[in-house]
Amino acid sequence: MHRVELQNYRRLQMPRLENDNLDNGETKSFCVPVDYKITVSMGDGDYDGTAAAQYVKISGTEGETEELQCDADFAVTGEDVECTVSSYKTIGDYRCQLMAGDSRR
């Protein structure tokens, strides 16, 4: 791998409330995941691709995500590989990410 790029975005889909409102004094929580789109530019060297599963942990100013599997074909070389991972964890402003292969387990 040579370059890793991360984009995040929120996808908000509020569930339909019965009667389109909350009862007086009623409180409901609506949690939505944050999706992170990860682009990895694979090198074209003999040892740049891998068939092993790849995992990512994303850290921010307020915490970090759990370990998430980046489901993509990392066996290719000389191409960009993309995956999208989702987490309900609040991490604040993005600071860094850790990528690790399955061989470390």
C-alpha atoms as a PDB file:
ATOM      1  CA  MET A   1       0.000   0.000   0.000  1.00  0.00           C
ATOM      2  CA  HIS A   2       1.206   3.458  -0.778  1.00  0.00           C
ATOM      3  CA  ARG A   3      -1.603   5.936  -0.063  1.00  0.00           C
ATOM      4  CA  VAL A   4      -4.699   5.696   2.112  1.00  0.00           C
ATOM      5  CA  GLU A   5      -7.521   8.222   1.817  1.00  0.00           C
ATOM      6  CA  LEU A   6     -10.501   8.468   4.164  1.00  0.00           C
ATOM      7  CA  GLN A   7     -13.834  10.207   3.642  1.00  0.00           C
ATOM      8  CA  ASN A   8     -16.620  10.170   6.186  1.00  0.00           C
ATOM      9  CA  TYR A   9     -20.246  11.090   5.897  1.00  0.00           C
ATOM     10  CA  ARG A  10     -23.446  10.624   7.862  1.00  0.00           C
ATOM     11  CA  ARG A  11     -26.455   8.855   6.465  1.00  0.00           C
ATOM     12  CA  LEU A  12     -29.510   9.868   8.479  1.00  0.00           C
ATOM     13  CA  GLN A  13     -32.778   8.012   8.042  1.00  0.00           C
ATOM     14  CA  MET A  14     -35.222   8.861  10.781  1.00  0.00           C
ATOM     15  CA  PRO A  15     -37.790   6.158  11.504  1.00  0.00           C
ATOM     16  CA  ARG A  16     -41.395   7.154  10.979  1.00  0.00           C
ATOM     17  CA  LEU A  17     -43.047   7.993  14.285  1.00  0.00           C
ATOM     18  CA  GLU A  18     -46.543   6.805  14.965  1.00  0.00           C
ATOM     19  CA  ASN A  19     -48.866   9.838  14.574  1.00  0.00           C
ATOM     20  CA  ASP A  20     -45.808  11.800  13.301  1.00  0.00           C
ATOM     21  CA  ASN A  21     -44.942  13.187  16.741  1.00  0.00           C
ATOM     22  CA  LEU A  22     -43.784  12.342  20.242  1.00  0.00           C
ATOM     23  CA  ASP A  23     -46.168  12.255  23.143  1.00  0.00           C
ATOM     24  CA  ASN A  24     -45.796  15.056  25.682  1.00  0.00           C
ATOM     25  CA  GLY A  25     -42.809  14.356  27.892  1.00  0.00           C
ATOM     26  CA  GLU A  26     -41.688  11.403  25.729  1.00  0.00           C
ATOM     27  CA  THR A  27     -38.060  11.049  24.672  1.00  0.00           C
ATOM     28  CA  LYS A  28     -36.709   8.688  22.009  1.00  0.00           C
ATOM     29  CA  SER A  29     -33.162   8.108  20.844  1.00  0.00           C
ATOM     30  CA  PHE A  30     -32.310   7.822  17.176  1.00  0.00           C
ATOM     31  CA  CYS A  31     -28.760   6.602  16.655  1.00  0.00           C
ATOM     32  CA  VAL A  32     -27.281   6.610  13.187  1.00  0.00           C
ATOM     33  CA  PRO A  33     -24.002   5.107  12.051  1.00  0.00           C
ATOM     34  CA  VAL A  34     -21.241   7.117  10.460  1.00  0.00           C
ATOM     35  CA  ASP A  35     -19.974   5.656   7.196  1.00  0.00           C
ATOM     36  CA  TYR A  36     -16.288   5.963   6.350  1.00  0.00           C
ATOM     37  CA  LYS A  37     -15.245   5.474   2.737  1.00  0.00           C
ATOM     38  CA  ILE A  38     -11.633   4.309   2.554  1.00  0.00           C
ATOM     39  CA  THR A  39      -9.551   4.384  -0.622  1.00  0.00           C
ATOM     40  CA  VAL A  40      -6.228   2.548  -0.657  1.00  0.00           C
ATOM     41  CA  SER A  41      -3.860   3.023  -3.584  1.00  0.00           C
ATOM     42  CA  MET A  42      -2.070  -0.270  -4.027  1.00  0.00           C
ATOM     43  CA  GLY A  43       1.515  -0.274  -5.233  1.00  0.00           C
ATOM     44  CA  ASP A  44       2.528  -2.334  -8.235  1.00  0.00           C
ATOM     45  CA  GLY A  45       5.493  -4.153  -6.675  1.00  0.00           C
ATOM     46  CA  ASP A  46       5.809  -7.911  -6.302  1.00  0.00           C
ATOM     47  CA  TYR A  47       4.765  -7.845  -2.635  1.00  0.00           C
ATOM     48  CA  ASP A  48       2.185  -5.030  -2.607  1.00  0.00           C
ATOM     49  CA  GLY A  49      -1.061  -7.047  -2.851  1.00  0.00           C
ATOM     50  CA  THR A  50      -2.465  -9.386  -0.219  1.00  0.00           C
ATOM     51  CA  ALA A  51      -5.249 -11.932   0.007  1.00  0.00           C
ATOM     52  CA  ALA A  52      -5.477 -11.450   3.797  1.00  0.00           C
ATOM     53  CA  ALA A  53      -8.470  -9.667   5.302  1.00  0.00           C
ATOM     54  CA  GLN A  54      -7.747  -6.043   6.214  1.00  0.00           C
ATOM     55  CA  TYR A  55      -9.035  -4.228   9.295  1.00  0.00           C
ATOM     56  CA  VAL A  56      -9.201  -0.552  10.216  1.00  0.00           C
ATOM     57  CA  LYS A  57      -9.588   1.370  13.465  1.00  0.00           C
ATOM     58  CA  ILE A  58     -10.309   5.100  13.059  1.00  0.00           C
ATOM     59  CA  SER A  59      -9.315   7.553  15.801  1.00  0.00           C
ATOM     60  CA  GLY A  60     -10.487  11.078  16.479  1.00  0.00           C
ATOM     61  CA  THR A  61     -10.427  13.811  19.087  1.00  0.00           C
ATOM     62  CA  GLU A  62     -13.161  12.111  21.179  1.00  0.00           C
ATOM     63  CA  GLY A  63     -12.420   8.395  20.819  1.00  0.00           C
ATOM     64  CA  GLU A  64     -11.993   5.630  18.284  1.00  0.00           C
ATOM     65  CA  THR A  65     -14.078   3.112  16.409  1.00  0.00           C
ATOM     66  CA  GLU A  66     -14.047  -0.558  17.078  1.00  0.00           C
ATOM     67  CA  GLU A  67     -11.956  -2.668  14.695  1.00  0.00           C
ATOM     68  CA  LEU A  68     -13.833  -2.781  11.376  1.00  0.00           C
ATOM     69  CA  GLN A  69     -13.212  -5.105   8.428  1.00  0.00           C
ATOM     70  CA  CYS A  70     -12.435  -3.276   5.197  1.00  0.00           C
ATOM     71  CA  ASP A  71     -14.068  -5.630   2.704  1.00  0.00           C
ATOM     72  CA  ALA A  72     -12.260  -5.147  -0.605  1.00  0.00           C
ATOM     73  CA  ASP A  73      -9.946  -7.006  -2.988  1.00  0.00           C
ATOM     74  CA  PHE A  74      -6.488  -6.134  -1.664  1.00  0.00           C
ATOM     75  CA  ALA A  75      -4.869  -8.778  -3.891  1.00  0.00           C
ATOM     76  CA  VAL A  76      -4.789  -6.352  -6.826  1.00  0.00           C
ATOM     77  CA  THR A  77      -1.699  -4.276  -7.546  1.00  0.00           C
ATOM     78  CA  GLY A  78      -1.356  -0.892  -9.194  1.00  0.00           C
ATOM     79  CA  GLU A  79      -5.011   0.048  -8.579  1.00  0.00           C
ATOM     80  CA  ASP A  80      -7.149   1.919  -6.065  1.00  0.00           C
ATOM     81  CA  VAL A  81      -9.187  -0.283  -3.734  1.00  0.00           C
ATOM     82  CA  GLU A  82     -12.281   1.085  -1.941  1.00  0.00           C
ATOM     83  CA  CYS A  83     -14.405  -0.067   0.949  1.00  0.00           C
ATOM     84  CA  THR A  84     -16.979   1.517   3.248  1.00  0.00           C
ATOM     85  CA  VAL A  85     -17.118   0.744   6.965  1.00  0.00           C
ATOM     86  CA  SER A  86     -19.737   1.920   9.475  1.00  0.00           C
ATOM     87  CA  SER A  87     -19.605   2.631  13.194  1.00  0.00           C
ATOM     88  CA  TYR A  88     -21.954   4.028  15.827  1.00  0.00           C
ATOM     89  CA  LYS A  89     -18.978   5.251  17.896  1.00  0.00           C
ATOM     90  CA  THR A  90     -18.496   8.999  18.288  1.00  0.00           C
ATOM     91  CA  ILE A  91     -14.885   9.860  17.483  1.00  0.00           C
ATOM     92  CA  GLY A  92     -15.047  13.658  17.043  1.00  0.00           C
ATOM     93  CA  ASP A  93     -12.729  15.133  14.423  1.00  0.00           C
ATOM     94  CA  TYR A  94     -10.727  12.569  12.465  1.00  0.00           C
ATOM     95  CA  ARG A  95      -7.070  12.286  13.480  1.00  0.00           C
ATOM     96  CA  CYS A  96      -5.681   8.967  12.197  1.00  0.00           C
ATOM     97  CA  GLN A  97      -6.422   5.413  11.194  1.00  0.00           C
ATOM     98  CA  LEU A  98      -4.701   2.117  11.792  1.00  0.00           C
ATOM     99  CA  MET A  99      -4.871  -0.564   9.113  1.00  0.00           C
ATOM    100  CA  ALA A 100      -3.818  -4.127   9.871  1.00  0.00           C
ATOM    101  CA  GLY A 101      -3.892  -7.408   7.994  1.00  0.00           C
ATOM    102  CA  ASP A 102      -5.416 -10.658   9.231  1.00  0.00           C
ATOM    103  CA  SER A 103      -1.975 -12.261   9.617  1.00  0.00           C
ATOM    104  CA  ARG A 104      -1.399 -10.365  12.889  1.00  0.00           C
ATOM    105  CA  ARG A 105      -4.186 -12.281  14.688  1.00  0.00           C
END
